[in-house]
Protein backbone atom coordinates (compact mmCIF):
# COMPACT_ATOMS: atom_id res chain seq x y z
CA MET A 1 135.72 114.11 105.59
CA ILE A 2 133.41 111.06 107.41
CA GLN A 3 134.96 108.79 109.66
CA PHE A 4 134.60 105.09 110.64
CA ARG A 5 134.20 103.48 113.93
CA ARG A 6 134.15 100.05 115.06
CA LEU A 7 131.51 98.11 116.08
CA VAL A 8 131.17 95.73 118.67
CA LEU A 9 128.20 93.34 118.39
CA VAL A 10 127.07 91.92 121.84
CA PRO A 11 124.66 89.34 123.07
CA VAL A 12 121.52 90.95 124.78
CA LEU A 13 118.97 88.61 125.51
CA LEU A 14 120.14 86.51 123.49
CA ALA A 15 119.70 88.81 120.02
CA ALA A 16 122.70 90.33 118.82
CA VAL A 17 121.92 93.75 119.47
CA VAL A 18 124.64 96.72 117.16
CA GLY A 19 126.29 98.95 119.40
CA LEU A 20 126.38 102.23 116.76
CA SER A 21 129.16 104.79 117.15
CA GLY A 22 129.14 107.81 116.00
CA CYS A 23 130.62 108.29 111.50
CA ASP A 24 129.68 110.07 107.86
CA THR A 25 130.78 107.60 105.51
CA LEU A 26 129.91 104.27 104.60
CA SER A 27 133.82 103.09 103.65
CA GLY A 28 135.51 100.21 104.67
CA ILE A 29 134.41 96.66 106.35
CA PHE A 30 134.26 97.10 110.78
CA SER A 31 135.29 94.29 112.03
CA GLY A 32 112.07 94.11 136.53
CA ASP A 33 112.46 94.88 140.31
CA GLY A 34 115.21 92.57 141.87
CA ASN A 35 113.33 92.16 145.40
CA LYS A 36 110.39 90.31 144.13
CA GLN A 37 110.72 86.89 144.32
CA LYS A 38 110.33 85.43 140.89
CA LEU A 39 108.82 81.77 140.13
CA PRO A 40 111.44 79.14 139.11
CA GLY A 41 111.79 77.94 135.44
CA THR A 42 113.19 79.63 132.25
CA ARG A 43 111.28 82.82 130.98
CA ILE A 44 110.28 82.89 127.24
CA SER A 45 108.71 85.89 125.32
CA VAL A 46 105.30 84.76 123.78
CA LEU A 47 106.08 87.78 121.37
CA ALA A 48 109.23 86.39 120.70
CA LEU A 49 108.38 83.32 119.92
CA GLU A 50 105.69 84.76 117.53
CA ARG A 51 108.15 86.38 115.18
CA GLU A 52 111.44 85.34 115.73
CA LEU A 53 113.49 84.54 112.57
CA ARG A 54 115.92 81.92 112.46
CA PRO A 55 118.04 80.78 109.62
CA ASN A 56 117.26 77.33 108.02
CA ILE A 57 119.58 74.76 108.87
CA GLU A 58 119.51 72.51 106.11
CA ALA A 59 120.18 75.66 103.98
CA ALA A 60 123.34 76.26 106.08
CA ASP A 61 126.11 75.48 103.46
CA THR A 62 123.73 77.81 100.61
CA ARG A 63 126.83 79.92 99.39
CA ILE A 64 125.37 83.52 98.47
CA ALA A 65 126.62 84.39 95.11
CA LEU A 66 125.28 88.10 93.83
CA PRO A 67 125.42 89.44 89.85
CA ARG A 68 127.88 92.21 89.66
CA PRO A 69 127.61 95.56 90.26
CA GLU A 70 126.29 97.83 87.72
CA ASP A 71 125.69 101.20 87.19
CA THR A 72 122.82 102.80 86.26
CA THR A 73 122.35 106.10 84.75
CA THR A 74 118.48 107.25 85.44
CA TRP A 75 116.03 106.18 88.32
CA PRO A 76 112.83 106.97 86.96
CA GLY A 77 110.51 105.81 89.64
CA ALA A 78 109.70 104.28 93.29
CA GLY A 79 111.89 101.84 93.46
CA GLY A 80 114.22 102.26 90.29
CA LEU A 81 112.66 100.71 87.14
CA SER A 82 109.04 99.91 86.75
CA HIS A 83 109.42 96.60 87.49
CA HIS A 84 111.33 97.11 90.94
CA ALA A 85 114.25 95.15 90.53
CA MET A 86 117.55 96.69 90.84
CA HIS A 87 120.06 93.84 91.37
CA HIS A 88 123.02 95.36 92.56
CA LEU A 89 124.11 98.99 92.20
CA VAL A 90 127.23 100.98 92.34
CA ILE A 91 128.88 103.25 94.84
CA SER A 92 132.62 104.38 96.08
CA ALA A 93 134.25 102.67 98.64
CA ALA A 94 134.28 105.83 100.46
CA PRO A 95 131.52 107.63 99.68
CA LYS A 96 131.55 111.73 100.87
CA LYS A 97 128.89 114.06 101.12
CA VAL A 98 129.26 116.17 98.11
CA TRP A 99 126.75 118.83 98.16
CA THR A 100 123.28 119.24 100.55
CA VAL A 101 120.22 121.56 99.31
CA ARG A 102 116.60 122.44 100.62
CA ALA A 103 114.29 120.02 98.69
CA GLY A 104 110.97 121.68 100.31
CA GLU A 105 109.20 121.17 103.67
CA GLY A 106 109.82 117.74 104.78
CA SER A 107 107.69 115.13 107.58
CA ASP A 108 105.92 116.80 110.67
CA LEU A 109 103.19 115.64 112.69
CA ARG A 110 100.82 117.21 110.26
CA ASN A 111 101.86 116.73 106.80
CA ARG A 112 104.34 113.22 105.48
CA ALA A 113 106.68 113.67 102.38
CA PHE A 114 106.26 109.71 100.59
CA ALA A 115 107.67 110.92 97.33
CA GLU A 116 111.14 109.35 96.96
CA PRO A 117 113.80 111.14 94.59
CA ILE A 118 113.98 109.99 90.87
CA ILE A 119 116.69 110.66 88.27
CA ALA A 120 116.72 110.94 84.42
CA ASN A 121 118.58 113.38 82.09
CA GLY A 122 120.84 114.75 84.45
CA ARG A 123 118.95 116.23 87.01
CA ILE A 124 117.08 114.52 90.65
CA TYR A 125 113.38 115.18 91.11
CA THR A 126 112.25 115.83 94.42
CA MET A 127 108.60 116.73 96.23
CA ASP A 128 107.74 117.95 99.47
CA SER A 129 105.17 117.22 102.52
CA GLU A 130 103.02 120.62 100.23
CA GLY A 131 103.29 118.84 96.82
CA ILE A 132 105.79 121.25 95.56
CA VAL A 133 108.24 119.55 93.47
CA MET A 134 111.88 120.93 92.31
CA ALA A 135 114.48 120.11 89.84
CA PHE A 136 118.25 119.78 90.70
CA ASP A 137 121.36 119.15 88.46
CA SER A 138 121.82 115.71 89.44
CA THR A 139 125.97 116.46 89.71
CA THR A 140 126.18 119.79 91.19
CA GLY A 141 122.48 120.05 93.35
CA LYS A 142 122.01 123.63 91.47
CA ARG A 143 118.31 123.76 91.92
CA GLN A 144 116.89 124.37 87.74
CA TRP A 145 113.39 124.47 88.38
CA ARG A 146 110.09 124.52 91.35
CA VAL A 147 106.68 124.21 90.70
CA ARG A 148 103.22 124.25 93.42
CA THR A 149 101.71 120.65 91.76
CA ALA A 150 98.61 120.66 94.09
CA PRO A 151 96.37 123.96 95.18
CA ARG A 152 97.24 125.78 98.63
CA VAL A 153 95.77 124.41 101.15
CA GLU A 154 94.38 126.47 105.25
CA GLU A 155 97.61 126.18 107.50
CA ASP A 156 95.67 123.71 109.84
CA ASN A 157 94.56 121.62 106.22
CA ASP A 158 96.84 118.21 105.54
CA PHE A 159 97.96 117.43 102.43
CA LEU A 160 99.43 114.28 103.02
CA GLY A 161 101.08 112.48 99.78
CA GLY A 162 101.83 112.41 96.09
CA ALA A 163 104.86 110.83 94.64
CA LEU A 164 106.78 111.31 91.58
CA CYS A 165 107.84 109.32 88.03
CA ILE A 166 109.04 109.81 84.35
CA GLU A 167 109.26 108.57 81.12
CA GLY A 168 111.06 110.58 78.19
CA ASN A 169 110.42 113.96 78.88
CA ARG A 170 107.58 114.01 80.71
CA LEU A 171 107.58 113.86 84.83
CA PHE A 172 104.26 112.24 86.50
CA VAL A 173 102.77 113.45 89.54
CA THR A 174 100.52 111.93 91.93
CA THR A 175 98.92 114.32 94.57
CA GLY A 176 96.32 114.39 97.69
CA ALA A 177 94.65 116.29 96.19
CA ALA A 178 93.40 113.71 93.71
CA GLN A 179 94.79 115.06 90.76
CA VAL A 180 97.80 112.93 88.47
CA VAL A 181 99.68 116.21 86.71
CA ALA A 182 101.84 115.83 83.99
CA LEU A 183 104.91 118.27 83.80
CA ASP A 184 107.85 119.07 81.23
CA ALA A 185 110.98 117.33 82.75
CA ALA A 186 113.07 120.39 81.26
CA ASN A 187 111.07 123.38 82.70
CA GLY A 188 108.12 122.39 84.93
CA LYS A 189 105.52 123.15 82.92
CA GLU A 190 102.11 121.51 83.35
CA ILE A 191 101.00 119.47 80.13
CA TRP A 192 97.83 117.95 81.00
CA ARG A 193 95.94 117.96 84.99
CA THR A 194 93.67 114.67 85.82
CA PRO A 195 91.42 114.57 88.63
CA VAL A 196 90.14 111.32 90.20
CA GLU A 197 87.96 110.32 92.42
CA THR A 198 90.30 109.78 95.74
CA PRO A 199 93.40 110.82 96.80
CA VAL A 200 96.61 109.55 95.81
CA ARG A 201 99.28 108.58 98.04
CA ALA A 202 101.19 106.18 96.52
CA ALA A 203 103.92 107.13 93.68
CA PRO A 204 103.02 106.25 90.28
CA THR A 205 104.42 104.01 87.76
CA VAL A 206 105.05 104.87 83.93
CA ASN A 207 105.23 101.90 81.24
CA SER A 208 105.17 101.74 77.38
CA GLY A 209 103.09 104.74 77.34
CA ARG A 210 100.78 104.40 80.47
CA VAL A 211 100.76 105.78 84.04
CA PHE A 212 99.43 103.34 86.40
CA ILE A 213 98.01 104.44 89.64
CA VAL A 214 96.42 103.31 93.44
CA THR A 215 93.84 105.36 94.62
CA ILE A 216 93.81 105.60 98.62
CA GLU A 217 90.65 103.56 97.87
CA ASN A 218 92.34 100.48 96.55
CA GLU A 219 91.39 101.58 92.82
CA LEU A 220 94.18 100.61 90.35
CA GLN A 221 93.83 103.11 87.16
CA ALA A 222 95.83 103.41 84.01
CA LEU A 223 96.16 106.65 82.43
CA ALA A 224 97.72 107.52 78.97
CA ALA A 225 101.29 108.99 79.59
CA ASP A 226 100.32 111.44 76.56
CA THR A 227 96.72 113.13 77.59
CA GLY A 228 96.56 111.60 80.68
CA ARG A 229 93.13 110.17 79.41
CA LYS A 230 91.72 106.84 81.72
CA LEU A 231 92.09 104.14 79.82
CA TRP A 232 91.08 101.47 82.33
CA SER A 233 90.09 100.93 86.27
CA TYR A 234 89.86 98.37 88.92
CA ALA A 235 88.29 98.48 92.20
CA GLY A 236 90.00 96.48 94.70
CA ALA A 237 88.07 95.91 98.06
CA SER A 238 88.24 98.52 100.04
CA THR A 239 89.05 99.23 103.92
CA SER A 240 88.45 101.79 106.80
CA THR A 241 91.82 101.58 108.31
CA MET A 242 95.34 101.49 106.41
CA LEU A 243 99.04 102.80 107.07
CA LEU A 244 100.23 106.43 105.65
CA GLY A 245 101.68 106.17 101.82
CA GLY A 246 101.05 103.39 99.86
CA ALA A 247 103.05 101.08 96.78
CA ALA A 248 103.75 101.84 93.82
CA PRO A 249 101.90 98.86 91.37
CA ALA A 250 105.26 97.01 89.48
CA VAL A 251 105.38 96.63 85.61
CA ASP A 252 106.74 94.18 83.61
CA GLY A 253 106.09 91.93 80.42
CA GLY A 254 103.22 93.58 79.83
CA VAL A 255 101.88 92.53 83.07
CA VAL A 256 100.93 95.34 86.21
CA VAL A 257 100.87 94.28 89.91
CA ALA A 258 99.66 96.64 92.14
CA THR A 259 99.34 95.85 96.28
CA PHE A 260 96.23 97.35 98.34
CA SER A 261 95.79 98.15 102.11
CA SER A 262 92.78 95.37 102.23
CA GLY A 263 96.09 92.85 101.52
CA GLU A 264 94.67 91.91 98.23
CA MET A 265 97.41 91.44 95.49
CA VAL A 266 96.18 91.58 91.62
CA ALA A 267 97.77 90.86 88.26
CA LEU A 268 96.06 92.63 85.40
CA ARG A 269 97.36 92.53 81.76
CA SER A 270 98.59 96.22 81.48
CA ASP A 271 97.16 97.54 78.27
CA ASN A 272 93.52 96.53 78.75
CA GLY A 273 93.27 95.44 82.54
CA THR A 274 91.55 91.74 82.20
CA MET A 275 92.56 90.02 85.47
CA LEU A 276 94.88 87.74 85.05
CA TRP A 277 94.94 86.18 88.93
CA SER A 278 94.60 87.80 92.61
CA GLU A 279 96.26 86.78 95.56
CA THR A 280 96.58 87.67 99.55
CA VAL A 281 99.47 88.35 101.77
CA VAL A 282 98.65 88.97 104.90
CA ALA A 283 99.51 86.45 108.31
CA SER A 284 97.63 86.29 111.60
CA ARG A 285 99.56 87.89 114.27
CA ARG A 286 97.20 88.18 117.21
CA THR A 287 99.35 89.36 120.14
CA GLU A 288 99.84 92.56 118.41
CA ALA A 289 96.88 94.58 116.74
CA ALA A 290 98.26 96.79 114.79
CA ALA A 291 100.22 94.36 113.84
CA ASN A 292 96.93 92.39 112.23
CA LEU A 293 96.12 95.32 109.56
CA PRO A 294 96.36 93.71 106.36
CA ASP A 295 97.65 96.61 104.92
CA ILE A 296 100.54 96.03 101.74
CA ALA A 297 102.36 99.11 102.02
CA ALA A 298 105.59 98.01 100.57
CA ARG A 299 105.88 97.98 96.91
CA ALA A 300 105.86 94.36 95.11
CA VAL A 301 108.82 93.22 92.16
CA ILE A 302 108.93 91.08 89.37
CA ASP A 303 112.18 89.42 88.46
CA ARG A 304 112.24 86.51 86.29
CA GLY A 305 108.43 85.58 85.98
CA ARG A 306 108.03 85.66 90.08
CA VAL A 307 106.36 88.73 91.92
CA TYR A 308 107.90 89.20 95.72
CA ALA A 309 105.62 91.06 98.15
CA VAL A 310 106.07 91.37 101.92
CA GLY A 311 102.68 92.58 104.06
CA GLN A 312 103.10 94.14 107.25
CA SER A 313 100.80 91.27 109.45
CA GLY A 314 103.48 88.92 108.49
CA ALA A 315 104.23 87.48 105.03
CA LEU A 316 106.67 87.99 102.22
CA ALA A 317 105.57 85.57 99.68
CA ALA A 318 106.83 84.45 96.72
CA ILE A 319 104.27 84.09 93.73
CA ASP A 320 104.23 83.04 89.80
CA LEU A 321 103.73 86.10 87.43
CA ARG A 322 101.56 83.71 84.85
CA THR A 323 99.63 81.72 87.24
CA GLY A 324 99.17 83.49 90.40
CA ARG A 325 100.68 80.08 92.42
CA ARG A 326 102.25 80.52 95.97
CA LEU A 327 105.81 79.23 95.38
CA TRP A 328 106.85 79.49 99.01
CA ASP A 329 106.15 82.47 102.19
CA VAL A 330 108.45 83.26 104.75
CA PRO A 331 106.32 84.67 108.26
CA LEU A 332 108.06 88.18 107.91
CA ALA A 333 106.11 91.37 108.31
CA GLY A 334 108.11 94.62 106.62
CA ILE A 335 106.63 97.94 105.21
CA TYR A 336 109.63 97.92 102.77
CA GLU A 337 110.13 96.90 99.24
CA PRO A 338 112.06 93.45 99.45
CA TRP A 339 115.20 93.95 98.18
CA VAL A 340 115.80 91.04 95.08
CA ALA A 341 119.64 90.77 93.92
CA GLY A 342 120.15 87.43 91.59
CA ASP A 343 118.39 84.38 93.85
CA PHE A 344 118.46 86.20 96.60
CA ILE A 345 115.96 88.86 98.59
CA PHE A 346 117.54 90.94 101.61
CA ALA A 347 114.30 92.32 103.19
CA ILE A 348 114.23 94.28 106.85
CA SER A 349 111.15 93.67 109.21
CA VAL A 350 108.91 95.76 111.67
CA ASP A 351 110.82 94.51 114.38
CA SER A 352 114.02 95.98 112.67
CA GLU A 353 115.76 92.13 112.05
CA ALA A 354 117.82 92.51 108.26
CA ILE A 355 117.42 89.19 106.50
CA CYS A 356 118.47 86.77 103.56
CA ILE A 357 116.34 84.84 101.61
CA ASP A 358 117.30 82.47 99.25
CA ALA A 359 114.57 83.51 96.04
CA ARG A 360 114.44 79.47 94.72
CA SER A 361 113.37 77.92 98.30
CA GLY A 362 112.42 80.53 100.22
CA ARG A 363 114.56 79.59 102.94
CA ILE A 364 116.33 81.62 105.58
CA LEU A 365 120.10 82.19 105.04
CA TRP A 366 120.73 84.95 107.80
CA VAL A 367 119.08 87.23 110.20
CA THR A 368 120.81 89.85 111.70
CA GLN A 369 118.55 91.54 114.71
CA LEU A 370 119.16 95.52 114.47
CA PRO A 371 118.75 98.04 117.25
CA ARG A 372 115.40 98.54 117.84
CA PHE A 373 114.99 100.97 120.57
CA GLU A 374 116.43 104.38 120.63
CA ASN A 375 116.64 103.98 124.49
CA GLU A 376 116.99 99.86 124.24
CA LYS A 377 117.00 99.17 128.06
CA ALA A 378 113.68 101.19 128.25
CA ARG A 379 112.15 99.60 125.18
CA LYS A 380 111.09 103.61 124.15
CA ASN A 381 110.47 105.31 121.01
CA ARG A 382 111.45 102.46 118.20
CA ILE A 383 113.16 102.72 115.53
CA VAL A 384 112.04 102.52 111.96
CA TRP A 385 114.71 101.06 109.44
CA ALA A 386 114.39 102.06 105.45
CA GLY A 387 115.75 100.12 102.66
CA PRO A 388 117.86 98.08 102.38
CA ALA A 389 119.19 99.26 99.17
CA LEU A 390 122.50 96.91 97.24
CA ALA A 391 125.36 98.47 96.63
CA SER A 392 128.97 97.30 96.09
CA ASP A 393 128.63 94.28 98.17
CA ARG A 394 127.04 96.85 100.69
CA LEU A 395 123.35 96.55 102.13
CA ILE A 396 122.35 100.11 102.79
CA LEU A 397 119.69 100.91 105.17
CA VAL A 398 119.27 104.45 106.73
CA SER A 399 116.51 104.95 110.21
CA SER A 400 114.59 107.43 112.03
CA ASP A 401 117.62 107.29 114.57
CA ASP A 402 119.59 109.53 112.73
CA LYS A 403 121.55 106.61 111.69
CA ALA A 404 123.16 104.50 108.31
CA LEU A 405 124.27 101.34 108.29
CA ALA A 406 126.31 99.40 106.16
CA VAL A 407 125.53 95.28 106.44
CA SER A 408 127.53 91.98 104.40
CA PRO A 409 124.93 90.77 101.78
CA TYR A 410 126.99 87.79 102.73
CA SER A 411 126.57 87.40 106.35
CA GLY A 412 124.73 90.11 108.11
CA ALA A 413 127.51 91.51 109.44
CA VAL A 414 127.04 95.08 110.38
CA LEU A 415 130.31 96.41 108.20
CA GLY A 416 129.75 100.27 109.55
CA THR A 417 127.63 103.19 110.54
CA MET A 418 127.26 106.52 109.34
CA ASP A 419 125.55 109.71 111.32
CA LEU A 420 122.72 111.59 109.18
CA ARG A 421 121.90 115.21 110.08
CA THR A 422 118.14 114.06 111.17
CA SER A 423 116.16 111.02 110.72
CA SER A 424 115.53 109.36 107.22
CA THR A 425 112.43 107.33 107.04
CA LEU A 426 112.49 107.22 102.45
CA PRO A 427 115.59 104.44 101.21
CA PRO A 428 118.47 105.95 99.57
CA VAL A 429 118.30 106.21 95.87
CA PHE A 430 121.18 105.61 92.81
CA ALA A 431 122.69 106.88 89.28
CA ASN A 432 125.44 107.39 88.29
CA SER A 433 127.56 106.05 91.26
CA THR A 434 125.83 107.97 93.70
CA MET A 435 123.42 107.80 96.58
CA TYR A 436 121.59 110.11 97.41
CA LEU A 437 119.46 110.75 100.06
CA LEU A 438 116.02 112.89 101.51
CA ASP A 439 115.77 112.99 104.76
CA ASP A 440 112.88 113.95 106.93
CA ASP A 441 113.51 117.62 107.50
CA GLY A 442 113.29 118.28 103.58
CA ASP A 443 117.08 117.72 102.85
CA LEU A 444 118.37 116.55 99.08
CA SER A 445 121.72 115.01 99.90
CA ALA A 446 124.33 113.22 97.13
CA TYR A 447 127.53 111.38 98.14
CA ARG A 448 129.95 110.16 95.59
């Protein structure tokens, strides 16, 4: 039985740093050298000034009202549906781990697993860091089939990348071996295999019989879902430096939106590739060299005629889907998809800040500082928080520090914590009132 312990928020350096304690469910609400002479005056960190997010005073009276939680029977691709706007999902008040299975090789210093699990037809599908795809019964965790999709490589080579999506009975797989593969979702048999010019680390997105992929050279391609035939392509600007991984395109209403490592975001007609508009989601953060990478590693979200995207250089923007006009932006750097729920957006910054934004105005409603380092005092071992995902009035995040958190979407208060068996840097996925989590060791767990 998973037990919760209470959390106490302790103010440290004017930030609310969460004191974590061990438990294993997500249930309930919980409540320098002193001898050296110092110059007089108040010391303010230049880095803190640059990146500190604050709620907007004029938005203090905004009431956060979320859509009612709704269950889903499928999670067909990275980010859920092709537009990636999953709003408010369902999970029980006190979910328990009901099974754990081995889903292949996890992430290590040489290989990296980028594939989030997907769910359809009573099965959950995974892809490990060596390109092996497995199908499990989503209720019991029993493995149904296993297929290697990438050519075997020498032990000292890296595979790096690949992910999944599904439409009907076809499972589509991108690979770090520069191939896109279609499998029969029932038994894993290969239907077609199409080579592409460069490796694909981002997940594919399928919509209305077309499969959309983005290569590491920032080329967006559309393939026919039935044959793998190349339909059209768009070449974005290439970059010499990028983050590992990539973002699955977002598709809705006949428009595909893709983000690139150059910081560019483009919208094209999904049927023929005609460009509708192009925008950049880039901000300068000169005091942090790594932050100046323009890469948009997070998936864009399309919801009710707007596109929401966050770049790791320091900007979260809302853009009109039809015209490409920027509606507002917030100085937030992130590498995970922002979560849209009704008129509100939830996101996690690279500085471990959980944030709520009014999607209508771009005003910040609340900010909660989460733990940033495993050793906060020594500022060592930075924690990566993956998510958030909204289910039954809780924002759920998982971390590289072997923890999961439940955060109130209404106030930002930390509601509870859960000890995980190992680090998790892929966000959880949901279907049939169940949360599935694939950890960095390659183990898949179900909570319901």
